[in-house]
Amino acid sequence: MPRPSVEAADALLEQSLPVLDRGFVRLVDYMGGDARIVQSARVSYGEGTKTYRQDRGLIHYLLRNWHTSPFEQVVLTFHVKMPIFVARQWIRHRTARLNEISGRYSVMKDEFYL
């Protein structure tokens, strides 16, 4: 089943809107499907989609173990880069789910604010 299409949202897809000096907000997807769920689940590792078989297994794993946040990110998916002090304030007032790249599993860039 194809996803619904919204002309205004399609015009914004993959466009980065600059925020502060190094940040941005980008609409990655809206009304996505299984591929978006597995991409959301793999964000903390910084990895892309694997094979269909691995994707299917990951979805079953998420369901079995009640890891629901990737399923909640299907309606609207944004890629946002911001300083950690801004992120903490945003999360504090959020009304949505989020995943972030984990410093335990990925090499992080040397970016900081004083």
PDB file of N, CA and C in Angstrom:
ATOM      1  N   MET A   1       0.844  -1.173   0.000  1.00  0.00           N
ATOM      2  CA  MET A   1       0.000   0.000   0.000  1.00  0.00           C
ATOM      3  C   MET A   1       0.894   1.243   0.000  1.00  0.00           C
ATOM      4  N   PRO A   2       0.721   2.120  -0.968  1.00  0.00           N
ATOM      5  CA  PRO A   2       1.546   3.332  -1.001  1.00  0.00           C
ATOM      6  C   PRO A   2       1.165   4.296   0.117  1.00  0.00           C
ATOM      7  N   ARG A   3       2.140   5.060   0.561  1.00  0.00           N
ATOM      8  CA  ARG A   3       1.858   6.022   1.626  1.00  0.00           C
ATOM      9  C   ARG A   3       1.111   7.214   1.053  1.00  0.00           C
ATOM     10  N   PRO A   4       0.337   7.895   1.878  1.00  0.00           N
ATOM     11  CA  PRO A   4      -0.325   9.112   1.406  1.00  0.00           C
ATOM     12  C   PRO A   4       0.721  10.168   1.057  1.00  0.00           C
ATOM     13  N   SER A   5       0.403  11.002   0.104  1.00  0.00           N
ATOM     14  CA  SER A   5       1.330  12.035  -0.328  1.00  0.00           C
ATOM     15  C   SER A   5       0.750  13.415  -0.031  1.00  0.00           C
ATOM     16  N   VAL A   6       1.577  14.257   0.568  1.00  0.00           N
ATOM     17  CA  VAL A   6       1.191  15.632   0.871  1.00  0.00           C
ATOM     18  C   VAL A   6       2.182  16.536   0.145  1.00  0.00           C
ATOM     19  N   GLU A   7       1.693  17.322  -0.788  1.00  0.00           N
ATOM     20  CA  GLU A   7       2.558  18.142  -1.635  1.00  0.00           C
ATOM     21  C   GLU A   7       3.477  19.062  -0.824  1.00  0.00           C
ATOM     22  N   ALA A   8       2.936  19.706   0.194  1.00  0.00           N
ATOM     23  CA  ALA A   8       3.738  20.624   1.013  1.00  0.00           C
ATOM     24  C   ALA A   8       4.847  19.878   1.752  1.00  0.00           C
ATOM     25  N   ALA A   9       4.555  18.676   2.257  1.00  0.00           N
ATOM     26  CA  ALA A   9       5.575  17.886   2.952  1.00  0.00           C
ATOM     27  C   ALA A   9       6.621  17.375   1.966  1.00  0.00           C
ATOM     28  N   ASP A  10       6.183  16.953   0.783  1.00  0.00           N
ATOM     29  CA  ASP A  10       7.136  16.484  -0.229  1.00  0.00           C
ATOM     30  C   ASP A  10       8.133  17.578  -0.598  1.00  0.00           C
ATOM     31  N   ALA A  11       7.682  18.816  -0.625  1.00  0.00           N
ATOM     32  CA  ALA A  11       8.566  19.939  -0.958  1.00  0.00           C
ATOM     33  C   ALA A  11       9.639  20.152   0.109  1.00  0.00           C
ATOM     34  N   LEU A  12       9.364  19.745   1.347  1.00  0.00           N
ATOM     35  CA  LEU A  12      10.318  19.928   2.449  1.00  0.00           C
ATOM     36  C   LEU A  12      11.262  18.748   2.644  1.00  0.00           C
ATOM     37  N   LEU A  13      10.937  17.594   2.078  1.00  0.00           N
ATOM     38  CA  LEU A  13      11.746  16.395   2.294  1.00  0.00           C
ATOM     39  C   LEU A  13      13.208  16.639   1.945  1.00  0.00           C
ATOM     40  N   GLU A  14      14.078  16.214   2.857  1.00  0.00           N
ATOM     41  CA  GLU A  14      15.534  16.259   2.690  1.00  0.00           C
ATOM     42  C   GLU A  14      16.125  17.662   2.571  1.00  0.00           C
ATOM     43  N   GLN A  15      15.359  18.703   2.859  1.00  0.00           N
ATOM     44  CA  GLN A  15      15.908  20.065   2.868  1.00  0.00           C
ATOM     45  C   GLN A  15      16.336  20.410   4.291  1.00  0.00           C
ATOM     46  N   SER A  16      17.574  20.776   4.468  1.00  0.00           N
ATOM     47  CA  SER A  16      18.069  21.163   5.789  1.00  0.00           C
ATOM     48  C   SER A  16      17.817  22.644   6.023  1.00  0.00           C
ATOM     49  N   LEU A  17      17.161  22.948   7.123  1.00  0.00           N
ATOM     50  CA  LEU A  17      16.942  24.330   7.528  1.00  0.00           C
ATOM     51  C   LEU A  17      17.958  24.651   8.612  1.00  0.00           C
ATOM     52  N   PRO A  18      18.871  25.603   8.385  1.00  0.00           N
ATOM     53  CA  PRO A  18      19.925  25.887   9.359  1.00  0.00           C
ATOM     54  C   PRO A  18      19.375  26.442  10.673  1.00  0.00           C
ATOM     55  N   VAL A  19      20.009  26.008  11.767  1.00  0.00           N
ATOM     56  CA  VAL A  19      19.651  26.475  13.108  1.00  0.00           C
ATOM     57  C   VAL A  19      20.948  26.765  13.856  1.00  0.00           C
ATOM     58  N   LEU A  20      21.038  27.946  14.471  1.00  0.00           N
ATOM     59  CA  LEU A  20      22.250  28.377  15.167  1.00  0.00           C
ATOM     60  C   LEU A  20      23.449  28.304  14.222  1.00  0.00           C
ATOM     61  N   ASP A  21      24.638  27.987  14.750  1.00  0.00           N
ATOM     62  CA  ASP A  21      25.834  28.015  13.900  1.00  0.00           C
ATOM     63  C   ASP A  21      26.136  26.691  13.202  1.00  0.00           C
ATOM     64  N   ARG A  22      25.818  25.553  13.820  1.00  0.00           N
ATOM     65  CA  ARG A  22      26.131  24.258  13.218  1.00  0.00           C
ATOM     66  C   ARG A  22      24.948  23.312  13.171  1.00  0.00           C
ATOM     67  N   GLY A  23      23.795  23.761  13.611  1.00  0.00           N
ATOM     68  CA  GLY A  23      22.643  22.878  13.681  1.00  0.00           C
ATOM     69  C   GLY A  23      21.748  22.951  12.458  1.00  0.00           C
ATOM     70  N   PHE A  24      20.788  22.039  12.412  1.00  0.00           N
ATOM     71  CA  PHE A  24      19.805  22.036  11.329  1.00  0.00           C
ATOM     72  C   PHE A  24      18.597  21.202  11.736  1.00  0.00           C
ATOM     73  N   VAL A  25      17.511  21.377  11.002  1.00  0.00           N
ATOM     74  CA  VAL A  25      16.305  20.557  11.120  1.00  0.00           C
ATOM     75  C   VAL A  25      15.975  20.097   9.711  1.00  0.00           C
ATOM     76  N   ARG A  26      15.677  18.806   9.563  1.00  0.00           N
ATOM     77  CA  ARG A  26      15.385  18.251   8.243  1.00  0.00           C
ATOM     78  C   ARG A  26      14.262  17.229   8.363  1.00  0.00           C
ATOM     79  N   LEU A  27      13.233  17.347   7.536  1.00  0.00           N
ATOM     80  CA  LEU A  27      12.176  16.338   7.467  1.00  0.00           C
ATOM     81  C   LEU A  27      12.697  15.183   6.628  1.00  0.00           C
ATOM     82  N   VAL A  28      12.820  14.014   7.247  1.00  0.00           N
ATOM     83  CA  VAL A  28      13.371  12.839   6.575  1.00  0.00           C
ATOM     84  C   VAL A  28      12.267  12.036   5.893  1.00  0.00           C
ATOM     85  N   ASP A  29      11.134  11.888   6.567  1.00  0.00           N
ATOM     86  CA  ASP A  29      10.057  11.050   6.043  1.00  0.00           C
ATOM     87  C   ASP A  29       8.769  11.375   6.776  1.00  0.00           C
ATOM     88  N   TYR A  30       7.666  11.017   6.173  1.00  0.00           N
ATOM     89  CA  TYR A  30       6.378  11.101   6.852  1.00  0.00           C
ATOM     90  C   TYR A  30       5.530   9.928   6.391  1.00  0.00           C
ATOM     91  N   MET A  31       4.736   9.417   7.290  1.00  0.00           N
ATOM     92  CA  MET A  31       3.881   8.263   7.039  1.00  0.00           C
ATOM     93  C   MET A  31       4.669   7.099   6.433  1.00  0.00           C
ATOM     94  N   GLY A  32       5.834   6.817   7.025  1.00  0.00           N
ATOM     95  CA  GLY A  32       6.699   5.751   6.528  1.00  0.00           C
ATOM     96  C   GLY A  32       6.167   4.367   6.866  1.00  0.00           C
ATOM     97  N   GLY A  33       6.919   3.345   6.480  1.00  0.00           N
ATOM     98  CA  GLY A  33       6.512   1.964   6.702  1.00  0.00           C
ATOM     99  C   GLY A  33       7.566   1.196   7.471  1.00  0.00           C
ATOM    100  N   ASP A  34       7.689  -0.091   7.150  1.00  0.00           N
ATOM    101  CA  ASP A  34       8.629  -0.965   7.853  1.00  0.00           C
ATOM    102  C   ASP A  34      10.071  -0.473   7.750  1.00  0.00           C
ATOM    103  N   ALA A  35      10.453   0.040   6.591  1.00  0.00           N
ATOM    104  CA  ALA A  35      11.833   0.516   6.418  1.00  0.00           C
ATOM    105  C   ALA A  35      12.135   1.662   7.377  1.00  0.00           C
ATOM    106  N   ARG A  36      11.189   2.541   7.606  1.00  0.00           N
ATOM    107  CA  ARG A  36      11.386   3.660   8.534  1.00  0.00           C
ATOM    108  C   ARG A  36      11.507   3.146   9.963  1.00  0.00           C
ATOM    109  N   ILE A  37      10.749   2.124  10.315  1.00  0.00           N
ATOM    110  CA  ILE A  37      10.816   1.553  11.664  1.00  0.00           C
ATOM    111  C   ILE A  37      12.213   1.007  11.934  1.00  0.00           C
ATOM    112  N   VAL A  38      12.760   0.228  10.998  1.00  0.00           N
ATOM    113  CA  VAL A  38      14.085  -0.346  11.246  1.00  0.00           C
ATOM    114  C   VAL A  38      15.175   0.725  11.210  1.00  0.00           C
ATOM    115  N   GLN A  39      15.031   1.741  10.360  1.00  0.00           N
ATOM    116  CA  GLN A  39      16.001   2.839  10.363  1.00  0.00           C
ATOM    117  C   GLN A  39      15.985   3.541  11.719  1.00  0.00           C
ATOM    118  N   SER A  40      14.797   3.783  12.256  1.00  0.00           N
ATOM    119  CA  SER A  40      14.681   4.434  13.568  1.00  0.00           C
ATOM    120  C   SER A  40      15.307   3.583  14.659  1.00  0.00           C
ATOM    121  N   ALA A  41      15.129   2.282  14.569  1.00  0.00           N
ATOM    122  CA  ALA A  41      15.691   1.385  15.578  1.00  0.00           C
ATOM    123  C   ALA A  41      17.213   1.362  15.520  1.00  0.00           C
ATOM    124  N   ARG A  42      17.785   1.586  14.351  1.00  0.00           N
ATOM    125  CA  ARG A  42      19.239   1.510  14.192  1.00  0.00           C
ATOM    126  C   ARG A  42      19.950   2.845  14.370  1.00  0.00           C
ATOM    127  N   VAL A  43      19.240   3.900  14.691  1.00  0.00           N
ATOM    128  CA  VAL A  43      19.852   5.228  14.823  1.00  0.00           C
ATOM    129  C   VAL A  43      20.982   5.233  15.834  1.00  0.00           C
ATOM    130  N   SER A  44      20.811   4.589  16.971  1.00  0.00           N
ATOM    131  CA  SER A  44      21.829   4.663  18.020  1.00  0.00           C
ATOM    132  C   SER A  44      23.153   4.053  17.576  1.00  0.00           C
ATOM    133  N   TYR A  45      23.105   3.158  16.584  1.00  0.00           N
ATOM    134  CA  TYR A  45      24.337   2.570  16.072  1.00  0.00           C
ATOM    135  C   TYR A  45      24.888   3.334  14.880  1.00  0.00           C
ATOM    136  N   GLY A  46      24.118   4.269  14.337  1.00  0.00           N
ATOM    137  CA  GLY A  46      24.555   5.025  13.176  1.00  0.00           C
ATOM    138  C   GLY A  46      24.622   4.181  11.916  1.00  0.00           C
ATOM    139  N   GLU A  47      23.896   3.053  11.885  1.00  0.00           N
ATOM    140  CA  GLU A  47      23.944   2.155  10.735  1.00  0.00           C
ATOM    141  C   GLU A  47      22.688   2.294   9.889  1.00  0.00           C
ATOM    142  N   GLY A  48      22.827   1.983   8.615  1.00  0.00           N
ATOM    143  CA  GLY A  48      21.688   2.014   7.705  1.00  0.00           C
ATOM    144  C   GLY A  48      20.970   0.681   7.667  1.00  0.00           C
ATOM    145  N   THR A  49      20.032   0.579   6.755  1.00  0.00           N
ATOM    146  CA  THR A  49      19.232  -0.628   6.607  1.00  0.00           C
ATOM    147  C   THR A  49      20.097  -1.797   6.165  1.00  0.00           C
ATOM    148  N   LYS A  50      19.823  -2.946   6.735  1.00  0.00           N
ATOM    149  CA  LYS A  50      20.507  -4.179   6.352  1.00  0.00           C
ATOM    150  C   LYS A  50      19.654  -4.876   5.296  1.00  0.00           C
ATOM    151  N   THR A  51      19.615  -6.198   5.311  1.00  0.00           N
ATOM    152  CA  THR A  51      18.804  -6.936   4.342  1.00  0.00           C
ATOM    153  C   THR A  51      17.363  -7.021   4.815  1.00  0.00           C
ATOM    154  N   TYR A  52      16.476  -7.392   3.888  1.00  0.00           N
ATOM    155  CA  TYR A  52      15.053  -7.535   4.224  1.00  0.00           C
ATOM    156  C   TYR A  52      14.872  -8.537   5.359  1.00  0.00           C
ATOM    157  N   ARG A  53      15.607  -9.652   5.302  1.00  0.00           N
ATOM    158  CA  ARG A  53      15.481 -10.688   6.332  1.00  0.00           C
ATOM    159  C   ARG A  53      15.882 -10.137   7.706  1.00  0.00           C
ATOM    160  N   GLN A  54      16.973  -9.378   7.752  1.00  0.00           N
ATOM    161  CA  GLN A  54      17.403  -8.788   9.018  1.00  0.00           C
ATOM    162  C   GLN A  54      16.402  -7.743   9.498  1.00  0.00           C
ATOM    163  N   ASP A  55      15.838  -6.974   8.567  1.00  0.00           N
ATOM    164  CA  ASP A  55      14.832  -5.976   8.934  1.00  0.00           C
ATOM    165  C   ASP A  55      13.618  -6.648   9.560  1.00  0.00           C
ATOM    166  N   ARG A  56      13.153  -7.701   8.931  1.00  0.00           N
ATOM    167  CA  ARG A  56      11.980  -8.420   9.440  1.00  0.00           C
ATOM    168  C   ARG A  56      12.258  -8.988  10.835  1.00  0.00           C
ATOM    169  N   GLY A  57      13.442  -9.558  11.008  1.00  0.00           N
ATOM    170  CA  GLY A  57      13.818 -10.092  12.312  1.00  0.00           C
ATOM    171  C   GLY A  57      13.888  -9.003  13.371  1.00  0.00           C
ATOM    172  N   LEU A  58      14.399  -7.831  12.996  1.00  0.00           N
ATOM    173  CA  LEU A  58      14.481  -6.714  13.935  1.00  0.00           C
ATOM    174  C   LEU A  58      13.086  -6.251  14.355  1.00  0.00           C
ATOM    175  N   ILE A  59      12.163  -6.152  13.406  1.00  0.00           N
ATOM    176  CA  ILE A  59      10.792  -5.743  13.739  1.00  0.00           C
ATOM    177  C   ILE A  59      10.163  -6.729  14.711  1.00  0.00           C
ATOM    178  N   HIS A  60      10.339  -8.029  14.462  1.00  0.00           N
ATOM    179  CA  HIS A  60       9.797  -9.036  15.385  1.00  0.00           C
ATOM    180  C   HIS A  60      10.446  -8.921  16.766  1.00  0.00           C
ATOM    181  N   TYR A  61      11.755  -8.686  16.799  1.00  0.00           N
ATOM    182  CA  TYR A  61      12.458  -8.510  18.073  1.00  0.00           C
ATOM    183  C   TYR A  61      11.896  -7.313  18.838  1.00  0.00           C
ATOM    184  N   LEU A  62      11.714  -6.190  18.142  1.00  0.00           N
ATOM    185  CA  LEU A  62      11.184  -4.983  18.790  1.00  0.00           C
ATOM    186  C   LEU A  62       9.803  -5.249  19.380  1.00  0.00           C
ATOM    187  N   LEU A  63       8.953  -5.921  18.624  1.00  0.00           N
ATOM    188  CA  LEU A  63       7.600  -6.230  19.107  1.00  0.00           C
ATOM    189  C   LEU A  63       7.636  -7.166  20.312  1.00  0.00           C
ATOM    190  N   ARG A  64       8.427  -8.237  20.209  1.00  0.00           N
ATOM    191  CA  ARG A  64       8.513  -9.219  21.299  1.00  0.00           C
ATOM    192  C   ARG A  64       8.998  -8.596  22.599  1.00  0.00           C
ATOM    193  N   ASN A  65       9.918  -7.636  22.489  1.00  0.00           N
ATOM    194  CA  ASN A  65      10.544  -7.058  23.680  1.00  0.00           C
ATOM    195  C   ASN A  65       9.997  -5.687  24.058  1.00  0.00           C
ATOM    196  N   TRP A  66       8.880  -5.321  23.491  1.00  0.00           N
ATOM    197  CA  TRP A  66       8.180  -4.080  23.824  1.00  0.00           C
ATOM    198  C   TRP A  66       9.027  -2.826  23.621  1.00  0.00           C
ATOM    199  N   HIS A  67       9.888  -2.846  22.616  1.00  0.00           N
ATOM    200  CA  HIS A  67      10.649  -1.646  22.251  1.00  0.00           C
ATOM    201  C   HIS A  67       9.792  -0.867  21.253  1.00  0.00           C
ATOM    202  N   THR A  68       8.995   0.053  21.744  1.00  0.00           N
ATOM    203  CA  THR A  68       7.966   0.681  20.909  1.00  0.00           C
ATOM    204  C   THR A  68       8.376   1.998  20.262  1.00  0.00           C
ATOM    205  N   SER A  69       9.435   2.644  20.723  1.00  0.00           N
ATOM    206  CA  SER A  69       9.745   3.976  20.183  1.00  0.00           C
ATOM    207  C   SER A  69       9.959   3.992  18.666  1.00  0.00           C
ATOM    208  N   PRO A  70      10.598   2.986  18.045  1.00  0.00           N
ATOM    209  CA  PRO A  70      10.726   3.041  16.583  1.00  0.00           C
ATOM    210  C   PRO A  70       9.374   3.011  15.854  1.00  0.00           C
ATOM    211  N   PHE A  71       8.378   2.358  16.434  1.00  0.00           N
ATOM    212  CA  PHE A  71       7.053   2.309  15.809  1.00  0.00           C
ATOM    213  C   PHE A  71       6.346   3.656  15.912  1.00  0.00           C
ATOM    214  N   GLU A  72       6.712   4.433  16.902  1.00  0.00           N
ATOM    215  CA  GLU A  72       6.066   5.727  17.121  1.00  0.00           C
ATOM    216  C   GLU A  72       6.665   6.830  16.251  1.00  0.00           C
ATOM    217  N   GLN A  73       7.739   6.544  15.547  1.00  0.00           N
ATOM    218  CA  GLN A  73       8.410   7.562  14.732  1.00  0.00           C
ATOM    219  C   GLN A  73       8.029   7.482  13.261  1.00  0.00           C
ATOM    220  N   VAL A  74       6.982   6.760  12.951  1.00  0.00           N
ATOM    221  CA  VAL A  74       6.614   6.542  11.557  1.00  0.00           C
ATOM    222  C   VAL A  74       5.836   7.712  10.973  1.00  0.00           C
ATOM    223  N   VAL A  75       5.070   8.425  11.772  1.00  0.00           N
ATOM    224  CA  VAL A  75       4.224   9.499  11.251  1.00  0.00           C
ATOM    225  C   VAL A  75       5.072  10.637  10.694  1.00  0.00           C
ATOM    226  N   LEU A  76       5.954  11.194  11.496  1.00  0.00           N
ATOM    227  CA  LEU A  76       6.888  12.236  11.054  1.00  0.00           C
ATOM    228  C   LEU A  76       8.272  11.871  11.571  1.00  0.00           C
ATOM    229  N   THR A  77       9.266  11.921  10.709  1.00  0.00           N
ATOM    230  CA  THR A  77      10.636  11.637  11.125  1.00  0.00           C
ATOM    231  C   THR A  77      11.515  12.821  10.743  1.00  0.00           C
ATOM    232  N   PHE A  78      12.134  13.419  11.752  1.00  0.00           N
ATOM    233  CA  PHE A  78      13.024  14.558  11.552  1.00  0.00           C
ATOM    234  C   PHE A  78      14.447  14.166  11.909  1.00  0.00           C
ATOM    235  N   HIS A  79      15.416  14.748  11.222  1.00  0.00           N
ATOM    236  CA  HIS A  79      16.820  14.660  11.602  1.00  0.00           C
ATOM    237  C   HIS A  79      17.176  16.053  12.110  1.00  0.00           C
ATOM    238  N   VAL A  80      17.567  16.122  13.366  1.00  0.00           N
ATOM    239  CA  VAL A  80      17.841  17.414  13.989  1.00  0.00           C
ATOM    240  C   VAL A  80      19.235  17.372  14.598  1.00  0.00           C
ATOM    241  N   LYS A  81      20.040  18.381  14.305  1.00  0.00           N
ATOM    242  CA  LYS A  81      21.355  18.509  14.937  1.00  0.00           C
ATOM    243  C   LYS A  81      21.339  19.782  15.764  1.00  0.00           C
ATOM    244  N   MET A  82      21.692  19.625  17.052  1.00  0.00           N
ATOM    245  CA  MET A  82      21.680  20.769  17.959  1.00  0.00           C
ATOM    246  C   MET A  82      22.658  20.515  19.089  1.00  0.00           C
ATOM    247  N   PRO A  83      23.085  21.562  19.778  1.00  0.00           N
ATOM    248  CA  PRO A  83      23.939  21.372  20.951  1.00  0.00           C
ATOM    249  C   PRO A  83      23.180  20.592  22.024  1.00  0.00           C
ATOM    250  N   ILE A  84      23.899  19.856  22.822  1.00  0.00           N
ATOM    251  CA  ILE A  84      23.264  19.016  23.831  1.00  0.00           C
ATOM    252  C   ILE A  84      22.453  19.833  24.833  1.00  0.00           C
ATOM    253  N   PHE A  85      22.878  21.055  25.139  1.00  0.00           N
ATOM    254  CA  PHE A  85      22.115  21.860  26.096  1.00  0.00           C
ATOM    255  C   PHE A  85      20.773  22.293  25.505  1.00  0.00           C
ATOM    256  N   VAL A  86      20.696  22.450  24.193  1.00  0.00           N
ATOM    257  CA  VAL A  86      19.414  22.751  23.541  1.00  0.00           C
ATOM    258  C   VAL A  86      18.558  21.486  23.498  1.00  0.00           C
ATOM    259  N   ALA A  87      19.181  20.359  23.186  1.00  0.00           N
ATOM    260  CA  ALA A  87      18.449  19.090  23.115  1.00  0.00           C
ATOM    261  C   ALA A  87      17.782  18.762  24.445  1.00  0.00           C
ATOM    262  N   ARG A  88      18.462  18.993  25.544  1.00  0.00           N
ATOM    263  CA  ARG A  88      17.883  18.677  26.853  1.00  0.00           C
ATOM    264  C   ARG A  88      16.647  19.518  27.139  1.00  0.00           C
ATOM    265  N   GLN A  89      16.649  20.768  26.722  1.00  0.00           N
ATOM    266  CA  GLN A  89      15.461  21.611  26.905  1.00  0.00           C
ATOM    267  C   GLN A  89      14.333  21.181  25.975  1.00  0.00           C
ATOM    268  N   TRP A  90      14.682  20.799  24.763  1.00  0.00           N
ATOM    269  CA  TRP A  90      13.671  20.360  23.796  1.00  0.00           C
ATOM    270  C   TRP A  90      13.010  19.074  24.277  1.00  0.00           C
ATOM    271  N   ILE A  91      13.812  18.122  24.731  1.00  0.00           N
ATOM    272  CA  ILE A  91      13.288  16.846  25.216  1.00  0.00           C
ATOM    273  C   ILE A  91      12.383  17.061  26.422  1.00  0.00           C
ATOM    274  N   ARG A  92      12.741  18.000  27.234  1.00  0.00           N
ATOM    275  CA  ARG A  92      11.959  18.287  28.436  1.00  0.00           C
ATOM    276  C   ARG A  92      10.517  18.661  28.102  1.00  0.00           C
ATOM    277  N   HIS A  93      10.310  19.285  26.962  1.00  0.00           N
ATOM    278  CA  HIS A  93       8.981  19.753  26.571  1.00  0.00           C
ATOM    279  C   HIS A  93       8.429  19.003  25.363  1.00  0.00           C
ATOM    280  N   ARG A  94       8.952  17.849  25.092  1.00  0.00           N
ATOM    281  CA  ARG A  94       8.587  17.133  23.871  1.00  0.00           C
ATOM    282  C   ARG A  94       7.207  16.485  23.959  1.00  0.00           C
ATOM    283  N   THR A  95       6.657  16.218  22.791  1.00  0.00           N
ATOM    284  CA  THR A  95       5.406  15.472  22.688  1.00  0.00           C
ATOM    285  C   THR A  95       5.588  14.320  21.715  1.00  0.00           C
ATOM    286  N   ALA A  96       6.825  13.916  21.475  1.00  0.00           N
ATOM    287  CA  ALA A  96       7.111  12.859  20.511  1.00  0.00           C
ATOM    288  C   ALA A  96       8.252  11.986  21.014  1.00  0.00           C
ATOM    289  N   ARG A  97       8.520  10.903  20.307  1.00  0.00           N
ATOM    290  CA  ARG A  97       9.624  10.002  20.620  1.00  0.00           C
ATOM    291  C   ARG A  97      10.876  10.448  19.900  1.00  0.00           C
ATOM    292  N   LEU A  98      12.029  10.124  20.463  1.00  0.00           N
ATOM    293  CA  LEU A  98      13.263  10.420  19.756  1.00  0.00           C
ATOM    294  C   LEU A  98      14.308   9.369  20.048  1.00  0.00           C
ATOM    295  N   ASN A  99      15.187   9.202  19.106  1.00  0.00           N
ATOM    296  CA  ASN A  99      16.375   8.372  19.247  1.00  0.00           C
ATOM    297  C   ASN A  99      17.552   9.258  18.895  1.00  0.00           C
ATOM    298  N   GLU A 100      18.695   8.970  19.481  1.00  0.00           N
ATOM    299  CA  GLU A 100      19.880   9.751  19.159  1.00  0.00           C
ATOM    300  C   GLU A 100      21.066   8.829  18.991  1.00  0.00           C
ATOM    301  N   ILE A 101      22.061   9.289  18.250  1.00  0.00           N
ATOM    302  CA  ILE A 101      23.271   8.492  18.054  1.00  0.00           C
ATOM    303  C   ILE A 101      23.949   8.326  19.403  1.00  0.00           C
ATOM    304  N   SER A 102      24.318   7.105  19.714  1.00  0.00           N
ATOM    305  CA  SER A 102      24.926   6.796  20.998  1.00  0.00           C
ATOM    306  C   SER A 102      26.441   6.930  20.922  1.00  0.00           C
ATOM    307  N   GLY A 103      27.017   7.639  21.867  1.00  0.00           N
ATOM    308  CA  GLY A 103      28.464   7.754  21.955  1.00  0.00           C
ATOM    309  C   GLY A 103      29.123   6.445  22.353  1.00  0.00           C
ATOM    310  N   ARG A 104      28.352   5.504  22.882  1.00  0.00           N
ATOM    311  CA  ARG A 104      28.903   4.191  23.232  1.00  0.00           C
ATOM    312  C   ARG A 104      29.138   3.332  21.998  1.00  0.00           C
ATOM    313  N   TYR A 105      28.322   3.526  20.959  1.00  0.00           N
ATOM    314  CA  TYR A 105      28.383   2.659  19.787  1.00  0.00           C
ATOM    315  C   TYR A 105      28.960   3.336  18.552  1.00  0.00           C
ATOM    316  N   SER A 106      29.143   4.642  18.574  1.00  0.00           N
ATOM    317  CA  SER A 106      29.596   5.390  17.401  1.00  0.00           C
ATOM    318  C   SER A 106      30.734   6.326  17.779  1.00  0.00           C
ATOM    319  N   VAL A 107      31.558   6.660  16.798  1.00  0.00           N
ATOM    320  CA  VAL A 107      32.616   7.650  17.007  1.00  0.00           C
ATOM    321  C   VAL A 107      31.974   9.026  16.854  1.00  0.00           C
ATOM    322  N   MET A 108      32.105   9.858  17.873  1.00  0.00           N
ATOM    323  CA  MET A 108      31.472  11.174  17.869  1.00  0.00           C
ATOM    324  C   MET A 108      32.461  12.231  17.381  1.00  0.00           C
ATOM    325  N   LYS A 109      31.934  13.252  16.716  1.00  0.00           N
ATOM    326  CA  LYS A 109      32.762  14.374  16.277  1.00  0.00           C
ATOM    327  C   LYS A 109      33.139  15.231  17.478  1.00  0.00           C
ATOM    328  N   ASP A 110      34.285  15.882  17.391  1.00  0.00           N
ATOM    329  CA  ASP A 110      34.720  16.802  18.445  1.00  0.00           C
ATOM    330  C   ASP A 110      34.054  18.158  18.230  1.00  0.00           C
ATOM    331  N   GLU A 111      32.851  18.320  18.732  1.00  0.00           N
ATOM    332  CA  GLU A 111      32.135  19.592  18.675  1.00  0.00           C
ATOM    333  C   GLU A 111      31.701  19.939  20.088  1.00  0.00           C
ATOM    334  N   PHE A 112      31.940  21.175  20.466  1.00  0.00           N
ATOM    335  CA  PHE A 112      31.567  21.575  21.818  1.00  0.00           C
ATOM    336  C   PHE A 112      31.313  23.066  21.870  1.00  0.00           C
ATOM    337  N   TYR A 113      30.635  23.484  22.924  1.00  0.00           N
ATOM    338  CA  TYR A 113      30.342  24.895  23.171  1.00  0.00           C
ATOM    339  C   TYR A 113      30.902  25.266  24.528  1.00  0.00           C
ATOM    340  N   LEU A 114      31.407  26.476  24.649  1.00  0.00           N
ATOM    341  CA  LEU A 114      31.917  26.976  25.930  1.00  0.00           C
ATOM    342  C   LEU A 114      31.012  28.053  26.454  1.00  0.00           C
TER     343      LEU A 114
END
